[in-house]
């Protein structure tokens, strides 16, 4: 079993990454959360992986953290939830957020995931809650991660901050915005230039 890949990031989208490992290109399905954490193409990257084979098809999935991989494992044990839907859930919520949604039995919040209706949301919460409650290691990791999150974002004071706020106001998710602006530090660039570059990455006309 392939537990991890470590190589050079060739390219990435919000749902897929290609990593060159000693001349072999691994194609991995990823969540939006993992996509937002990736470095720029050409840089080294390490992803924890999970291999799945079903219906004569084989697929490899990559995760920025072992906690996200564990949550993926928990999600696909739920009846009717496959890898694609599990990644959709992990694109909507990071591990700490998903843990909170499940433990709070927030069916309405869960149903905001694309492809998850009310009944599926109820089933996800019902089947996940008891499993997550018994996973002390994951609970501890989630608590630690939550404690490290900033309470509030600083006021926008740089072109990069302004571009970030502008993209968020357009309706893009934080993960999409982070991926679109990845690699730009905002130095010697106007807000207009950053927005044009970000929108191009997001497949939209500037």
C-alpha atoms as a PDB file:
ATOM      1  CA  UNK A   1       0.000   0.000   0.000  1.00  0.00           C
ATOM      2  CA  UNK A   2       1.185   3.521  -0.805  1.00  0.00           C
ATOM      3  CA  UNK A   3       1.025   5.507   2.430  1.00  0.00           C
ATOM      4  CA  UNK A   4       2.751   8.697   1.282  1.00  0.00           C
ATOM      5  CA  UNK A   5       4.262  10.359  -1.767  1.00  0.00           C
ATOM      6  CA  UNK A   6       7.115  12.849  -1.606  1.00  0.00           C
ATOM      7  CA  UNK A   7       8.246  14.585  -4.742  1.00  0.00           C
ATOM      8  CA  UNK A   8       7.846  17.644  -6.931  1.00  0.00           C
ATOM      9  CA  UNK A   9       4.427  19.113  -7.568  1.00  0.00           C
ATOM     10  CA  UNK A  10       3.872  19.169 -11.331  1.00  0.00           C
ATOM     11  CA  UNK A  11       0.414  20.736 -11.409  1.00  0.00           C
ATOM     12  CA  UNK A  12      -2.710  21.006  -9.297  1.00  0.00           C
ATOM     13  CA  UNK A  13      -6.353  21.979  -9.449  1.00  0.00           C
ATOM     14  CA  UNK A  14      -8.916  22.187  -6.671  1.00  0.00           C
ATOM     15  CA  UNK A  15      -9.562  18.437  -7.034  1.00  0.00           C
ATOM     16  CA  UNK A  16      -6.394  16.876  -8.415  1.00  0.00           C
ATOM     17  CA  UNK A  17      -2.620  16.997  -8.011  1.00  0.00           C
ATOM     18  CA  UNK A  18       0.186  15.414 -10.017  1.00  0.00           C
ATOM     19  CA  UNK A  19       3.388  14.700  -8.125  1.00  0.00           C
ATOM     20  CA  UNK A  20       6.635  13.640  -9.804  1.00  0.00           C
ATOM     21  CA  UNK A  21       8.330  11.035  -7.621  1.00  0.00           C
ATOM     22  CA  UNK A  22      11.725  10.106  -9.133  1.00  0.00           C
ATOM     23  CA  UNK A  23      10.388  10.455 -12.654  1.00  0.00           C
ATOM     24  CA  UNK A  24       7.055   8.742 -12.019  1.00  0.00           C
ATOM     25  CA  UNK A  25       3.986  10.975 -12.063  1.00  0.00           C
ATOM     26  CA  UNK A  26       1.373  10.133  -9.435  1.00  0.00           C
ATOM     27  CA  UNK A  27      -2.122  11.508 -10.033  1.00  0.00           C
ATOM     28  CA  UNK A  28      -3.984  12.048  -6.782  1.00  0.00           C
ATOM     29  CA  UNK A  29      -7.515  13.111  -6.012  1.00  0.00           C
ATOM     30  CA  UNK A  30      -7.489  15.844  -3.370  1.00  0.00           C
ATOM     31  CA  UNK A  31      -9.874  18.043  -1.418  1.00  0.00           C
ATOM     32  CA  UNK A  32     -10.078  21.798  -1.720  1.00  0.00           C
ATOM     33  CA  UNK A  33      -8.559  22.014   1.753  1.00  0.00           C
ATOM     34  CA  UNK A  34      -5.469  20.097   0.669  1.00  0.00           C
ATOM     35  CA  UNK A  35      -5.312  22.031  -2.614  1.00  0.00           C
ATOM     36  CA  UNK A  36      -5.130  25.294  -0.685  1.00  0.00           C
ATOM     37  CA  UNK A  37      -2.123  24.027   1.273  1.00  0.00           C
ATOM     38  CA  UNK A  38      -0.060  22.981  -1.758  1.00  0.00           C
ATOM     39  CA  UNK A  39       3.110  24.835  -2.729  1.00  0.00           C
ATOM     40  CA  UNK A  40       3.645  26.333  -6.167  1.00  0.00           C
ATOM     41  CA  UNK A  41       4.287  23.908  -9.055  1.00  0.00           C
ATOM     42  CA  UNK A  42       7.953  22.938  -9.212  1.00  0.00           C
ATOM     43  CA  UNK A  43       8.359  22.828  -5.445  1.00  0.00           C
ATOM     44  CA  UNK A  44       8.612  19.775  -3.204  1.00  0.00           C
ATOM     45  CA  UNK A  45       5.470  18.417  -1.637  1.00  0.00           C
ATOM     46  CA  UNK A  46       4.526  15.564   0.679  1.00  0.00           C
ATOM     47  CA  UNK A  47       1.056  14.078   0.692  1.00  0.00           C
ATOM     48  CA  UNK A  48      -0.313  11.291   2.839  1.00  0.00           C
ATOM     49  CA  UNK A  49      -2.231   8.885   0.650  1.00  0.00           C
ATOM     50  CA  UNK A  50      -4.989   6.342   0.503  1.00  0.00           C
ATOM     51  CA  UNK A  51      -5.359   3.848  -2.340  1.00  0.00           C
ATOM     52  CA  UNK A  52      -8.809   2.697  -3.392  1.00  0.00           C
ATOM     53  CA  UNK A  53      -9.852   0.020  -5.880  1.00  0.00           C
ATOM     54  CA  UNK A  54     -13.494  -0.482  -6.840  1.00  0.00           C
ATOM     55  CA  UNK A  55     -15.391  -1.610  -9.943  1.00  0.00           C
ATOM     56  CA  UNK A  56     -12.161  -2.342 -11.848  1.00  0.00           C
ATOM     57  CA  UNK A  57     -10.982   1.231 -11.245  1.00  0.00           C
ATOM     58  CA  UNK A  58      -8.007   2.230  -9.133  1.00  0.00           C
ATOM     59  CA  UNK A  59      -7.470   5.658  -7.620  1.00  0.00           C
ATOM     60  CA  UNK A  60      -4.996   7.322  -5.296  1.00  0.00           C
ATOM     61  CA  UNK A  61      -6.029  10.131  -2.963  1.00  0.00           C
ATOM     62  CA  UNK A  62      -3.749  12.620  -1.260  1.00  0.00           C
ATOM     63  CA  UNK A  63      -4.079  14.575   1.973  1.00  0.00           C
ATOM     64  CA  UNK A  64      -2.095  17.403   3.521  1.00  0.00           C
ATOM     65  CA  UNK A  65      -2.352  15.864   7.010  1.00  0.00           C
ATOM     66  CA  UNK A  66      -2.831  12.460   8.546  1.00  0.00           C
ATOM     67  CA  UNK A  67      -5.911  13.836  10.331  1.00  0.00           C
ATOM     68  CA  UNK A  68      -7.567  14.640   7.012  1.00  0.00           C
ATOM     69  CA  UNK A  69      -6.743  11.154   5.753  1.00  0.00           C
ATOM     70  CA  UNK A  70      -8.260   9.662   8.900  1.00  0.00           C
ATOM     71  CA  UNK A  71     -11.413  11.715   8.409  1.00  0.00           C
ATOM     72  CA  UNK A  72     -11.585  10.522   4.793  1.00  0.00           C
ATOM     73  CA  UNK A  73     -11.379   6.931   6.055  1.00  0.00           C
ATOM     74  CA  UNK A  74     -14.240   7.607   8.462  1.00  0.00           C
ATOM     75  CA  UNK A  75     -16.381   9.263   5.792  1.00  0.00           C
ATOM     76  CA  UNK A  76     -16.177   6.434   3.273  1.00  0.00           C
ATOM     77  CA  UNK A  77     -17.379   3.946   5.890  1.00  0.00           C
ATOM     78  CA  UNK A  78     -20.744   5.723   5.875  1.00  0.00           C
ATOM     79  CA  UNK A  79     -23.254   3.910   3.674  1.00  0.00           C
ATOM     80  CA  UNK A  80     -23.694   5.615   0.326  1.00  0.00           C
ATOM     81  CA  UNK A  81     -20.574   7.781   0.691  1.00  0.00           C
ATOM     82  CA  UNK A  82     -17.781   7.173  -1.798  1.00  0.00           C
ATOM     83  CA  UNK A  83     -14.419   8.892  -2.244  1.00  0.00           C
ATOM     84  CA  UNK A  84     -15.819  11.660  -4.451  1.00  0.00           C
ATOM     85  CA  UNK A  85     -18.439  12.700  -1.896  1.00  0.00           C
ATOM     86  CA  UNK A  86     -15.945  12.335   0.955  1.00  0.00           C
ATOM     87  CA  UNK A  87     -13.618  14.785  -0.800  1.00  0.00           C
ATOM     88  CA  UNK A  88     -16.537  17.160  -1.356  1.00  0.00           C
ATOM     89  CA  UNK A  89     -17.191  17.146   2.399  1.00  0.00           C
ATOM     90  CA  UNK A  90     -13.503  17.757   3.125  1.00  0.00           C
ATOM     91  CA  UNK A  91     -13.490  20.584   0.587  1.00  0.00           C
ATOM     92  CA  UNK A  92     -16.349  22.296   2.415  1.00  0.00           C
ATOM     93  CA  UNK A  93     -14.983  21.740   5.933  1.00  0.00           C
ATOM     94  CA  UNK A  94     -11.493  21.248   7.293  1.00  0.00           C
ATOM     95  CA  UNK A  95     -11.061  18.467   9.847  1.00  0.00           C
ATOM     96  CA  UNK A  96     -11.732  20.643  12.893  1.00  0.00           C
ATOM     97  CA  UNK A  97     -14.822  22.211  11.323  1.00  0.00           C
ATOM     98  CA  UNK A  98     -16.214  18.839  10.241  1.00  0.00           C
ATOM     99  CA  UNK A  99     -15.632  17.388  13.689  1.00  0.00           C
ATOM    100  CA  UNK A 100     -17.579  20.291  15.201  1.00  0.00           C
ATOM    101  CA  UNK A 101     -20.437  19.942  12.685  1.00  0.00           C
ATOM    102  CA  UNK A 102     -20.793  16.233  13.435  1.00  0.00           C
ATOM    103  CA  UNK A 103     -20.561  16.490  17.214  1.00  0.00           C
ATOM    104  CA  UNK A 104     -23.042  19.403  17.241  1.00  0.00           C
ATOM    105  CA  UNK A 105     -25.396  17.383  15.010  1.00  0.00           C
ATOM    106  CA  UNK A 106     -25.550  20.335  12.628  1.00  0.00           C
ATOM    107  CA  UNK A 107     -27.576  18.703   9.858  1.00  0.00           C
ATOM    108  CA  UNK A 108     -28.261  22.034   8.176  1.00  0.00           C
ATOM    109  CA  UNK A 109     -24.555  22.799   8.000  1.00  0.00           C
ATOM    110  CA  UNK A 110     -23.727  19.350   6.651  1.00  0.00           C
ATOM    111  CA  UNK A 111     -26.387  19.719   3.967  1.00  0.00           C
ATOM    112  CA  UNK A 112     -24.515  22.732   2.533  1.00  0.00           C
ATOM    113  CA  UNK A 113     -21.988  20.323   1.009  1.00  0.00           C
ATOM    114  CA  UNK A 114     -22.663  19.974  -2.738  1.00  0.00           C
ATOM    115  CA  UNK A 115     -24.284  16.590  -3.358  1.00  0.00           C
ATOM    116  CA  UNK A 116     -25.391  16.118   0.242  1.00  0.00           C
ATOM    117  CA  UNK A 117     -29.146  16.319   0.805  1.00  0.00           C
ATOM    118  CA  UNK A 118     -30.979  16.364   4.109  1.00  0.00           C
ATOM    119  CA  UNK A 119     -31.209  12.565   4.415  1.00  0.00           C
ATOM    120  CA  UNK A 120     -27.547  12.049   3.546  1.00  0.00           C
ATOM    121  CA  UNK A 121     -26.574  14.772   6.016  1.00  0.00           C
ATOM    122  CA  UNK A 122     -28.546  13.025   8.748  1.00  0.00           C
ATOM    123  CA  UNK A 123     -26.939   9.687   7.919  1.00  0.00           C
ATOM    124  CA  UNK A 124     -23.453  11.174   7.891  1.00  0.00           C
ATOM    125  CA  UNK A 125     -23.904  12.716  11.318  1.00  0.00           C
ATOM    126  CA  UNK A 126     -25.598   9.652  12.783  1.00  0.00           C
ATOM    127  CA  UNK A 127     -22.927   7.223  11.600  1.00  0.00           C
ATOM    128  CA  UNK A 128     -19.938   9.493  12.183  1.00  0.00           C
ATOM    129  CA  UNK A 129     -20.737  10.822  15.643  1.00  0.00           C
ATOM    130  CA  UNK A 130     -20.227   7.589  17.576  1.00  0.00           C
ATOM    131  CA  UNK A 131     -17.108   6.755  15.563  1.00  0.00           C
ATOM    132  CA  UNK A 132     -15.506  10.161  16.089  1.00  0.00           C
ATOM    133  CA  UNK A 133     -16.430  10.194  19.773  1.00  0.00           C
ATOM    134  CA  UNK A 134     -14.345   7.032  20.272  1.00  0.00           C
ATOM    135  CA  UNK A 135     -11.354   8.345  18.310  1.00  0.00           C
ATOM    136  CA  UNK A 136      -9.390  10.054  21.081  1.00  0.00           C
ATOM    137  CA  UNK A 137      -6.365  10.645  18.876  1.00  0.00           C
ATOM    138  CA  UNK A 138      -8.377  12.550  16.293  1.00  0.00           C
ATOM    139  CA  UNK A 139     -10.263  14.474  18.967  1.00  0.00           C
ATOM    140  CA  UNK A 140      -6.981  15.541  20.555  1.00  0.00           C
ATOM    141  CA  UNK A 141      -5.558  16.615  17.192  1.00  0.00           C
ATOM    142  CA  UNK A 142      -8.705  18.590  16.393  1.00  0.00           C
ATOM    143  CA  UNK A 143      -8.615  20.338  19.770  1.00  0.00           C
ATOM    144  CA  UNK A 144      -4.974  21.280  19.258  1.00  0.00           C
ATOM    145  CA  UNK A 145      -5.599  22.539  15.734  1.00  0.00           C
ATOM    146  CA  UNK A 146      -8.606  24.559  16.814  1.00  0.00           C
ATOM    147  CA  UNK A 147      -6.603  26.161  19.591  1.00  0.00           C
ATOM    148  CA  UNK A 148      -4.024  27.331  17.073  1.00  0.00           C
ATOM    149  CA  UNK A 149      -6.479  29.009  14.745  1.00  0.00           C
ATOM    150  CA  UNK A 150      -6.404  32.834  14.790  1.00  0.00           C
ATOM    151  CA  UNK A 151      -9.415  34.448  16.403  1.00  0.00           C
ATOM    152  CA  UNK A 152      -9.726  37.071  13.716  1.00  0.00           C
ATOM    153  CA  UNK A 153      -8.041  38.055  10.501  1.00  0.00           C
ATOM    154  CA  UNK A 154      -5.957  41.239  10.600  1.00  0.00           C
ATOM    155  CA  UNK A 155      -7.296  44.339   8.921  1.00  0.00           C
ATOM    156  CA  UNK A 156      -6.432  44.529   5.238  1.00  0.00           C
ATOM    157  CA  UNK A 157      -3.340  46.696   4.836  1.00  0.00           C
ATOM    158  CA  UNK A 158      -1.489  45.264   1.831  1.00  0.00           C
ATOM    159  CA  UNK A 159      -2.415  44.644  -1.818  1.00  0.00           C
ATOM    160  CA  UNK A 160      -2.490  40.914  -1.055  1.00  0.00           C
ATOM    161  CA  UNK A 161      -4.936  41.429   1.815  1.00  0.00           C
ATOM    162  CA  UNK A 162      -7.114  43.671  -0.361  1.00  0.00           C
ATOM    163  CA  UNK A 163      -7.105  41.110  -3.202  1.00  0.00           C
ATOM    164  CA  UNK A 164      -8.037  38.355  -0.749  1.00  0.00           C
ATOM    165  CA  UNK A 165     -10.985  40.324   0.592  1.00  0.00           C
ATOM    166  CA  UNK A 166     -12.103  41.215  -2.940  1.00  0.00           C
ATOM    167  CA  UNK A 167     -12.134  37.564  -4.038  1.00  0.00           C
ATOM    168  CA  UNK A 168     -14.005  36.493  -0.920  1.00  0.00           C
ATOM    169  CA  UNK A 169     -16.606  39.183  -1.608  1.00  0.00           C
ATOM    170  CA  UNK A 170     -17.036  37.708  -5.107  1.00  0.00           C
ATOM    171  CA  UNK A 171     -18.198  34.465  -3.532  1.00  0.00           C
ATOM    172  CA  UNK A 172     -15.039  32.357  -3.809  1.00  0.00           C
ATOM    173  CA  UNK A 173     -14.332  30.045  -0.886  1.00  0.00           C
ATOM    174  CA  UNK A 174     -11.295  30.669   1.375  1.00  0.00           C
ATOM    175  CA  UNK A 175      -9.671  27.531  -0.078  1.00  0.00           C
ATOM    176  CA  UNK A 176     -10.132  28.782  -3.643  1.00  0.00           C
ATOM    177  CA  UNK A 177      -8.778  32.204  -2.751  1.00  0.00           C
ATOM    178  CA  UNK A 178      -5.720  30.774  -1.013  1.00  0.00           C
ATOM    179  CA  UNK A 179      -4.954  28.521  -3.978  1.00  0.00           C
ATOM    180  CA  UNK A 180      -5.478  31.335  -6.501  1.00  0.00           C
ATOM    181  CA  UNK A 181      -3.078  33.663  -4.657  1.00  0.00           C
ATOM    182  CA  UNK A 182      -0.555  30.990  -3.707  1.00  0.00           C
ATOM    183  CA  UNK A 183       2.977  32.122  -4.530  1.00  0.00           C
ATOM    184  CA  UNK A 184       2.222  35.853  -4.593  1.00  0.00           C
ATOM    185  CA  UNK A 185       3.553  37.975  -1.745  1.00  0.00           C
ATOM    186  CA  UNK A 186       2.003  41.202  -3.022  1.00  0.00           C
ATOM    187  CA  UNK A 187       5.310  43.043  -3.242  1.00  0.00           C
ATOM    188  CA  UNK A 188       5.533  45.562  -6.083  1.00  0.00           C
ATOM    189  CA  UNK A 189       2.116  44.428  -7.341  1.00  0.00           C
ATOM    190  CA  UNK A 190      -1.096  46.382  -7.482  1.00  0.00           C
ATOM    191  CA  UNK A 191      -4.376  44.936  -6.258  1.00  0.00           C
ATOM    192  CA  UNK A 192      -5.585  44.948  -9.882  1.00  0.00           C
ATOM    193  CA  UNK A 193      -2.601  42.835 -10.980  1.00  0.00           C
ATOM    194  CA  UNK A 194      -3.147  40.313  -8.183  1.00  0.00           C
ATOM    195  CA  UNK A 195      -6.846  40.019  -8.985  1.00  0.00           C
ATOM    196  CA  UNK A 196      -6.139  39.507 -12.688  1.00  0.00           C
ATOM    197  CA  UNK A 197      -3.651  36.723 -11.936  1.00  0.00           C
ATOM    198  CA  UNK A 198      -5.963  35.084  -9.387  1.00  0.00           C
ATOM    199  CA  UNK A 199      -9.001  35.169 -11.683  1.00  0.00           C
ATOM    200  CA  UNK A 200      -6.948  33.631 -14.476  1.00  0.00           C
ATOM    201  CA  UNK A 201      -6.022  30.743 -12.190  1.00  0.00           C
ATOM    202  CA  UNK A 202      -9.658  30.347 -11.264  1.00  0.00           C
ATOM    203  CA  UNK A 203     -10.601  30.096 -14.927  1.00  0.00           C
ATOM    204  CA  UNK A 204     -12.354  33.454 -15.148  1.00  0.00           C
ATOM    205  CA  UNK A 205     -11.744  36.515 -17.243  1.00  0.00           C
ATOM    206  CA  UNK A 206     -10.065  39.299 -15.321  1.00  0.00           C
END
